[in-house]
N, C-alpha and C. Protein backbone atom coordinates (compact mmCIF):
# COMPACT_ATOMS: atom_id res chain seq x y z
N UNK A 1 19.35 -1.48 22.15
CA UNK A 1 18.06 -1.96 21.94
C UNK A 1 17.63 -2.92 23.03
N UNK A 2 18.73 -3.64 23.57
CA UNK A 2 18.41 -4.73 24.61
C UNK A 2 17.63 -4.14 25.79
N UNK A 3 18.01 -2.83 26.18
CA UNK A 3 17.30 -2.21 27.28
C UNK A 3 15.73 -2.06 26.93
N UNK A 4 15.46 -1.59 25.66
CA UNK A 4 14.06 -1.46 25.38
C UNK A 4 13.40 -2.87 25.26
N UNK A 5 14.06 -3.88 24.91
CA UNK A 5 13.44 -5.18 24.79
C UNK A 5 13.07 -5.63 26.16
N UNK A 6 13.98 -5.41 27.13
CA UNK A 6 13.79 -5.79 28.57
C UNK A 6 12.50 -5.07 29.03
N UNK A 7 12.43 -3.71 28.66
CA UNK A 7 11.27 -3.01 29.15
C UNK A 7 10.03 -3.49 28.51
N UNK A 8 10.05 -3.77 27.18
CA UNK A 8 8.88 -4.39 26.51
C UNK A 8 8.44 -5.66 27.07
N UNK A 9 9.34 -6.52 27.58
CA UNK A 9 8.96 -7.74 28.18
C UNK A 9 8.25 -7.44 29.47
N UNK A 10 8.52 -6.47 30.15
CA UNK A 10 7.84 -6.17 31.46
C UNK A 10 6.43 -5.51 31.00
N UNK A 11 6.36 -4.70 30.05
CA UNK A 11 5.12 -4.13 29.64
C UNK A 11 4.23 -5.38 29.06
N UNK A 12 4.73 -6.24 28.44
CA UNK A 12 4.05 -7.47 27.96
C UNK A 12 3.40 -8.13 29.18
N UNK A 13 4.27 -8.43 30.21
CA UNK A 13 3.69 -9.08 31.39
C UNK A 13 2.49 -8.34 31.99
N UNK A 14 2.60 -7.02 32.08
CA UNK A 14 1.38 -6.25 32.60
C UNK A 14 0.24 -6.30 31.55
N UNK A 15 0.46 -6.32 30.37
CA UNK A 15 -0.71 -6.59 29.38
C UNK A 15 -1.30 -7.95 29.68
N UNK A 16 -0.48 -9.03 29.88
CA UNK A 16 -1.00 -10.40 30.18
C UNK A 16 -1.82 -10.33 31.45
N UNK A 17 -1.33 -9.55 32.47
CA UNK A 17 -1.95 -9.42 33.68
C UNK A 17 -3.47 -8.76 33.52
N UNK A 18 -3.51 -7.73 32.61
CA UNK A 18 -4.83 -7.14 32.33
C UNK A 18 -5.63 -8.15 31.70
N UNK A 19 -5.18 -8.93 30.73
CA UNK A 19 -6.08 -9.86 30.00
C UNK A 19 -6.43 -10.99 30.99
N UNK A 20 -5.52 -11.36 31.86
CA UNK A 20 -6.03 -12.38 32.93
C UNK A 20 -7.08 -11.83 33.77
N UNK A 21 -7.00 -10.60 34.18
CA UNK A 21 -8.06 -9.99 35.00
C UNK A 21 -9.38 -9.99 34.25
N UNK A 22 -9.28 -9.72 33.00
CA UNK A 22 -10.55 -9.73 32.14
C UNK A 22 -11.17 -11.16 32.11
N UNK A 23 -10.38 -12.10 31.92
CA UNK A 23 -10.84 -13.44 31.97
C UNK A 23 -11.34 -13.85 33.42
N UNK A 24 -10.60 -13.52 34.40
CA UNK A 24 -11.00 -13.96 35.76
C UNK A 24 -12.32 -13.34 36.17
N UNK A 25 -12.39 -11.98 36.04
CA UNK A 25 -13.61 -11.25 36.64
C UNK A 25 -14.73 -11.19 35.50
N UNK A 26 -14.47 -11.45 34.28
CA UNK A 26 -15.46 -11.40 33.22
C UNK A 26 -15.37 -10.15 32.34
N UNK A 27 -15.64 -10.35 31.17
CA UNK A 27 -15.48 -9.24 30.16
C UNK A 27 -16.83 -8.50 30.05
N UNK A 28 -17.24 -8.07 31.24
CA UNK A 28 -18.62 -7.44 31.32
C UNK A 28 -18.30 -6.01 31.95
N UNK A 29 -18.68 -4.94 31.32
CA UNK A 29 -18.37 -3.65 31.90
C UNK A 29 -19.11 -3.34 33.12
N UNK A 30 -20.30 -3.95 33.27
CA UNK A 30 -21.05 -3.68 34.54
C UNK A 30 -20.31 -4.28 35.81
N UNK A 31 -19.69 -5.33 35.55
CA UNK A 31 -18.86 -6.04 36.66
C UNK A 31 -17.77 -5.15 36.85
N UNK A 32 -17.10 -4.62 35.90
CA UNK A 32 -15.95 -3.78 35.98
C UNK A 32 -16.29 -2.44 36.78
N UNK A 33 -17.42 -1.94 36.41
CA UNK A 33 -17.92 -0.77 37.08
C UNK A 33 -18.15 -0.85 38.50
N UNK A 34 -18.59 -2.13 38.93
CA UNK A 34 -18.97 -2.30 40.41
C UNK A 34 -17.92 -2.93 41.20
N UNK A 35 -16.89 -3.57 40.64
CA UNK A 35 -16.00 -4.43 41.33
C UNK A 35 -14.69 -3.65 41.56
N UNK A 36 -14.32 -3.08 42.73
CA UNK A 36 -13.13 -2.30 42.93
C UNK A 36 -11.90 -3.09 42.79
N UNK A 37 -11.97 -4.36 43.14
CA UNK A 37 -10.79 -5.18 42.93
C UNK A 37 -10.41 -5.40 41.54
N UNK A 38 -11.48 -5.50 40.68
CA UNK A 38 -11.39 -5.59 39.19
C UNK A 38 -10.65 -4.44 38.65
N UNK A 39 -11.27 -3.27 38.90
CA UNK A 39 -10.84 -1.97 38.50
C UNK A 39 -9.36 -1.69 38.99
N UNK A 40 -9.16 -1.88 40.23
CA UNK A 40 -7.80 -1.58 40.74
C UNK A 40 -6.70 -2.52 40.14
N UNK A 41 -7.06 -3.76 39.86
CA UNK A 41 -6.07 -4.59 39.28
C UNK A 41 -5.70 -3.94 37.84
N UNK A 42 -6.67 -3.67 37.05
CA UNK A 42 -6.48 -3.21 35.73
C UNK A 42 -5.71 -1.85 35.82
N UNK A 43 -6.09 -1.02 36.71
CA UNK A 43 -5.51 0.37 36.83
C UNK A 43 -4.05 0.19 37.26
N UNK A 44 -3.78 -0.65 38.24
CA UNK A 44 -2.34 -0.82 38.68
C UNK A 44 -1.48 -1.22 37.48
N UNK A 45 -2.03 -2.30 36.72
CA UNK A 45 -1.23 -2.70 35.54
C UNK A 45 -1.03 -1.63 34.47
N UNK A 46 -2.08 -0.85 34.34
CA UNK A 46 -1.97 0.34 33.34
C UNK A 46 -0.91 1.40 33.87
N UNK A 47 -1.00 1.58 35.19
CA UNK A 47 -0.13 2.63 35.84
C UNK A 47 1.40 2.01 35.61
N UNK A 48 1.65 0.67 35.83
CA UNK A 48 2.94 0.18 35.66
C UNK A 48 3.47 0.19 34.15
N UNK A 49 2.57 0.02 33.23
CA UNK A 49 2.83 0.13 31.78
C UNK A 49 3.28 1.54 31.51
N UNK A 50 2.48 2.49 32.08
CA UNK A 50 2.83 3.91 31.79
C UNK A 50 4.27 4.26 32.42
N UNK A 51 4.51 3.73 33.63
CA UNK A 51 5.74 4.07 34.20
C UNK A 51 6.93 3.45 33.33
N UNK A 52 6.72 2.26 32.97
CA UNK A 52 7.81 1.60 32.10
C UNK A 52 8.11 2.32 30.82
N UNK A 53 6.99 2.85 30.11
CA UNK A 53 7.22 3.62 28.86
C UNK A 53 8.14 4.80 29.10
N UNK A 54 8.25 5.40 30.14
CA UNK A 54 9.09 6.47 30.61
C UNK A 54 10.63 6.01 30.57
N UNK A 55 10.85 4.74 30.59
CA UNK A 55 12.12 4.21 30.63
C UNK A 55 12.71 3.62 29.31
N UNK A 56 11.78 3.73 28.24
CA UNK A 56 12.13 3.35 26.93
C UNK A 56 13.02 4.49 26.41
N UNK A 57 13.93 4.15 25.49
CA UNK A 57 14.90 5.20 24.99
C UNK A 57 13.98 6.22 24.19
N UNK A 58 14.43 7.47 24.13
CA UNK A 58 13.80 8.43 23.20
C UNK A 58 13.83 8.05 21.80
N UNK A 59 14.99 7.46 21.39
CA UNK A 59 15.17 6.97 19.95
C UNK A 59 14.04 5.92 19.70
N UNK A 60 13.83 5.00 20.60
CA UNK A 60 12.92 3.91 20.31
C UNK A 60 11.48 4.48 20.28
N UNK A 61 11.14 5.42 21.25
CA UNK A 61 9.77 6.07 21.21
C UNK A 61 9.52 6.74 19.84
N UNK A 62 10.63 7.37 19.51
CA UNK A 62 10.58 8.24 18.31
C UNK A 62 10.23 7.30 17.06
N UNK A 63 11.04 6.20 16.97
CA UNK A 63 11.00 5.29 15.85
C UNK A 63 9.67 4.63 15.74
N UNK A 64 9.04 4.36 16.79
CA UNK A 64 7.79 3.57 16.93
C UNK A 64 6.52 4.42 17.08
N UNK A 65 6.68 5.79 17.19
CA UNK A 65 5.61 6.61 17.38
C UNK A 65 4.38 6.44 16.43
N UNK A 66 4.56 6.05 15.27
CA UNK A 66 3.35 5.75 14.43
C UNK A 66 2.64 4.45 14.73
N UNK A 67 3.23 3.69 15.44
CA UNK A 67 2.54 2.43 15.96
C UNK A 67 1.95 2.59 17.30
N UNK A 68 2.61 3.24 18.21
CA UNK A 68 2.14 3.41 19.57
C UNK A 68 2.35 4.86 19.98
N UNK A 69 1.27 5.42 20.47
CA UNK A 69 1.36 6.82 20.88
C UNK A 69 1.72 6.92 22.43
N UNK A 70 3.05 6.84 22.63
CA UNK A 70 3.69 6.67 24.00
C UNK A 70 3.22 7.82 24.97
N UNK A 71 3.09 8.98 24.51
CA UNK A 71 2.65 10.15 25.49
C UNK A 71 1.22 9.81 26.05
N UNK A 72 0.44 9.34 25.41
CA UNK A 72 -1.02 8.95 26.01
C UNK A 72 -0.80 7.84 27.13
N UNK A 73 0.07 6.91 26.90
CA UNK A 73 0.29 5.87 27.88
C UNK A 73 0.87 6.46 29.12
N UNK A 74 1.89 7.22 28.89
CA UNK A 74 2.57 8.00 30.11
C UNK A 74 1.52 8.84 30.79
N UNK A 75 0.73 9.60 29.94
CA UNK A 75 -0.28 10.47 30.53
C UNK A 75 -1.30 9.74 31.42
N UNK A 76 -1.78 8.58 30.96
CA UNK A 76 -2.64 7.78 31.79
C UNK A 76 -1.94 7.49 33.04
N UNK A 77 -0.73 7.10 32.96
CA UNK A 77 0.00 6.79 34.26
C UNK A 77 -0.03 7.86 35.21
N UNK A 78 0.28 9.09 34.72
CA UNK A 78 0.23 10.31 35.55
C UNK A 78 -0.96 10.55 36.18
N UNK A 79 -2.06 10.33 35.38
CA UNK A 79 -3.45 10.51 35.92
C UNK A 79 -3.69 9.58 37.09
N UNK A 80 -3.30 8.35 36.98
CA UNK A 80 -3.54 7.38 38.08
C UNK A 80 -2.66 7.72 39.21
N UNK A 81 -1.45 8.13 38.99
CA UNK A 81 -0.51 8.38 40.08
C UNK A 81 -0.88 9.63 40.84
N UNK A 82 -1.31 10.69 40.13
CA UNK A 82 -1.49 11.95 40.78
C UNK A 82 -3.01 12.43 40.99
N UNK A 83 -3.88 11.78 40.39
CA UNK A 83 -5.25 12.26 40.50
C UNK A 83 -6.23 11.10 40.35
N UNK A 84 -6.08 10.08 41.10
CA UNK A 84 -6.83 8.78 40.92
C UNK A 84 -8.34 9.09 40.93
N UNK A 85 -8.83 10.00 41.84
CA UNK A 85 -10.30 10.25 41.86
C UNK A 85 -10.85 10.65 40.49
N UNK A 86 -10.17 11.22 39.69
CA UNK A 86 -10.60 11.74 38.40
C UNK A 86 -10.50 10.77 37.23
N UNK A 87 -10.08 9.52 37.48
CA UNK A 87 -9.96 8.49 36.43
C UNK A 87 -11.36 8.18 35.87
N UNK A 88 -11.43 8.34 34.54
CA UNK A 88 -12.57 7.93 33.78
C UNK A 88 -12.69 6.41 33.62
N UNK A 89 -13.60 5.85 34.40
CA UNK A 89 -13.66 4.31 34.38
C UNK A 89 -14.03 3.77 33.07
N UNK A 90 -14.82 4.53 32.28
CA UNK A 90 -15.12 4.11 30.89
C UNK A 90 -13.93 4.11 30.00
N UNK A 91 -13.08 5.03 30.18
CA UNK A 91 -11.73 5.04 29.44
C UNK A 91 -10.77 3.86 29.81
N UNK A 92 -10.78 3.62 31.06
CA UNK A 92 -9.92 2.52 31.52
C UNK A 92 -10.50 1.23 30.89
N UNK A 93 -11.85 1.07 30.88
CA UNK A 93 -12.45 -0.21 30.34
C UNK A 93 -12.07 -0.29 28.87
N UNK A 94 -12.28 0.83 28.20
CA UNK A 94 -11.97 0.75 26.63
C UNK A 94 -10.60 0.52 26.43
N UNK A 95 -9.70 1.02 27.26
CA UNK A 95 -8.30 0.80 27.06
C UNK A 95 -7.93 -0.65 27.28
N UNK A 96 -8.54 -1.31 28.29
CA UNK A 96 -8.19 -2.67 28.67
C UNK A 96 -8.80 -3.64 27.52
N UNK A 97 -9.89 -3.32 27.12
CA UNK A 97 -10.60 -4.06 26.04
C UNK A 97 -10.05 -3.89 24.60
N UNK A 98 -9.86 -2.58 24.28
CA UNK A 98 -9.46 -2.30 22.91
C UNK A 98 -7.97 -2.20 22.58
N UNK A 99 -7.22 -1.46 23.60
CA UNK A 99 -5.85 -1.00 23.19
C UNK A 99 -4.84 -2.07 23.87
N UNK A 100 -5.14 -2.71 24.88
CA UNK A 100 -4.08 -3.52 25.52
C UNK A 100 -3.82 -4.68 24.58
N UNK A 101 -4.71 -5.38 23.86
CA UNK A 101 -4.51 -6.32 22.94
C UNK A 101 -3.49 -5.91 21.74
N UNK A 102 -3.65 -4.72 21.29
CA UNK A 102 -2.66 -4.16 20.35
C UNK A 102 -1.38 -3.92 20.87
N UNK A 103 -1.36 -3.34 22.12
CA UNK A 103 -0.06 -3.16 22.70
C UNK A 103 0.68 -4.38 23.01
N UNK A 104 -0.07 -5.48 23.27
CA UNK A 104 0.50 -6.76 23.66
C UNK A 104 1.09 -7.24 22.26
N UNK A 105 0.46 -7.13 21.23
CA UNK A 105 0.88 -7.63 19.95
C UNK A 105 2.08 -6.87 19.46
N UNK A 106 1.95 -5.55 19.76
CA UNK A 106 3.25 -4.74 19.32
C UNK A 106 4.47 -5.23 20.06
N UNK A 107 4.27 -5.45 21.38
CA UNK A 107 5.43 -5.95 22.20
C UNK A 107 5.96 -7.29 21.74
N UNK A 108 4.98 -8.12 21.61
CA UNK A 108 5.37 -9.47 21.07
C UNK A 108 6.19 -9.48 19.79
N UNK A 109 5.65 -8.70 18.87
CA UNK A 109 6.25 -8.63 17.48
C UNK A 109 7.67 -7.90 17.68
N UNK A 110 7.79 -6.94 18.40
CA UNK A 110 9.06 -6.19 18.56
C UNK A 110 10.07 -7.07 19.23
N UNK A 111 9.59 -7.75 20.30
CA UNK A 111 10.58 -8.76 21.03
C UNK A 111 11.02 -9.87 19.99
N UNK A 112 10.03 -10.36 19.23
CA UNK A 112 10.34 -11.45 18.31
C UNK A 112 11.21 -10.94 17.26
N UNK A 113 11.13 -9.84 16.72
CA UNK A 113 12.03 -9.30 15.69
C UNK A 113 13.41 -9.04 16.20
N UNK A 114 13.54 -8.64 17.59
CA UNK A 114 14.87 -8.55 18.00
C UNK A 114 15.52 -9.89 18.20
N UNK A 115 14.83 -10.88 18.64
CA UNK A 115 15.43 -12.21 18.87
C UNK A 115 15.65 -12.91 17.69
N UNK A 116 14.77 -12.90 16.68
CA UNK A 116 14.85 -13.63 15.40
C UNK A 116 14.62 -12.61 14.16
N UNK A 117 15.69 -11.78 13.90
CA UNK A 117 15.55 -10.77 12.91
C UNK A 117 15.17 -11.39 11.53
N UNK A 118 15.69 -12.62 11.33
CA UNK A 118 15.48 -13.18 9.84
C UNK A 118 14.00 -13.38 9.71
N UNK A 119 13.38 -13.85 10.76
CA UNK A 119 11.90 -14.13 10.57
C UNK A 119 11.12 -12.89 10.37
N UNK A 120 11.53 -11.72 10.96
CA UNK A 120 10.76 -10.58 10.77
C UNK A 120 10.93 -10.05 9.25
N UNK A 121 11.95 -10.35 8.59
CA UNK A 121 11.99 -9.93 7.22
C UNK A 121 11.11 -10.66 6.33
N UNK A 122 10.61 -11.87 6.78
CA UNK A 122 9.78 -12.72 6.06
C UNK A 122 8.42 -12.36 6.21
N UNK A 123 8.17 -11.67 7.46
CA UNK A 123 6.75 -11.33 7.83
C UNK A 123 6.48 -9.92 7.44
N UNK A 124 5.24 -9.46 7.78
CA UNK A 124 4.80 -8.05 7.43
C UNK A 124 5.74 -7.04 8.11
N UNK A 125 5.71 -5.76 7.80
CA UNK A 125 6.62 -4.90 8.32
C UNK A 125 6.36 -4.49 9.74
N UNK A 126 5.09 -4.80 10.37
CA UNK A 126 4.89 -4.47 11.69
C UNK A 126 3.45 -4.35 12.06
N UNK A 127 3.19 -4.16 13.25
CA UNK A 127 1.78 -4.01 13.77
C UNK A 127 1.48 -2.59 14.13
N UNK A 128 0.36 -2.02 13.74
CA UNK A 128 0.00 -0.78 14.25
C UNK A 128 -0.93 -1.01 15.34
N UNK A 129 -0.68 -0.29 16.40
CA UNK A 129 -1.58 -0.42 17.66
C UNK A 129 -2.84 0.46 17.32
N UNK A 130 -3.95 0.06 17.95
CA UNK A 130 -5.09 0.80 17.85
C UNK A 130 -4.85 2.20 18.38
N UNK A 131 -5.43 3.28 17.72
CA UNK A 131 -5.25 4.59 18.11
C UNK A 131 -6.34 5.16 19.04
N UNK A 132 -7.41 4.47 19.27
CA UNK A 132 -8.48 4.89 19.99
C UNK A 132 -8.00 4.72 21.58
N UNK A 133 -8.55 5.64 22.35
CA UNK A 133 -8.27 5.58 23.80
C UNK A 133 -6.87 5.81 24.18
N UNK A 134 -6.22 4.86 24.83
CA UNK A 134 -4.96 4.90 25.43
C UNK A 134 -3.89 5.27 24.28
N UNK A 135 -4.04 4.71 23.01
CA UNK A 135 -2.85 4.79 22.14
C UNK A 135 -3.22 5.80 21.11
N UNK A 136 -4.08 6.78 21.46
CA UNK A 136 -4.16 7.87 20.42
C UNK A 136 -3.29 9.08 20.72
């Protein structure tokens, strides 16, 4: 499980990078549509998240598949890496706005439950990530 936690910590960092870009550039889709630096920043972080999901153990992905749809995250990474010109900017925007906060929360909760398992028993059973866009 430690390996998965290390990977989730890296995924969490990229989620935070996306959220920082949203704050820095503005949470306005028209800015996102016209600013290449903004789009590239978000896309690179999404690519890295997708790459990292491939390093999670199969057992972990299987156990958490009802919370996070890992194949979609990996699929978005493959799209960025192999066919960047075909990236749907609207999908990237929706992923950054809607799905990344859920993925961040999932990572935080999972990391927290690993570090402090007693607290997890006292809290709710888990967080389900949004299924629209990236996580469906």
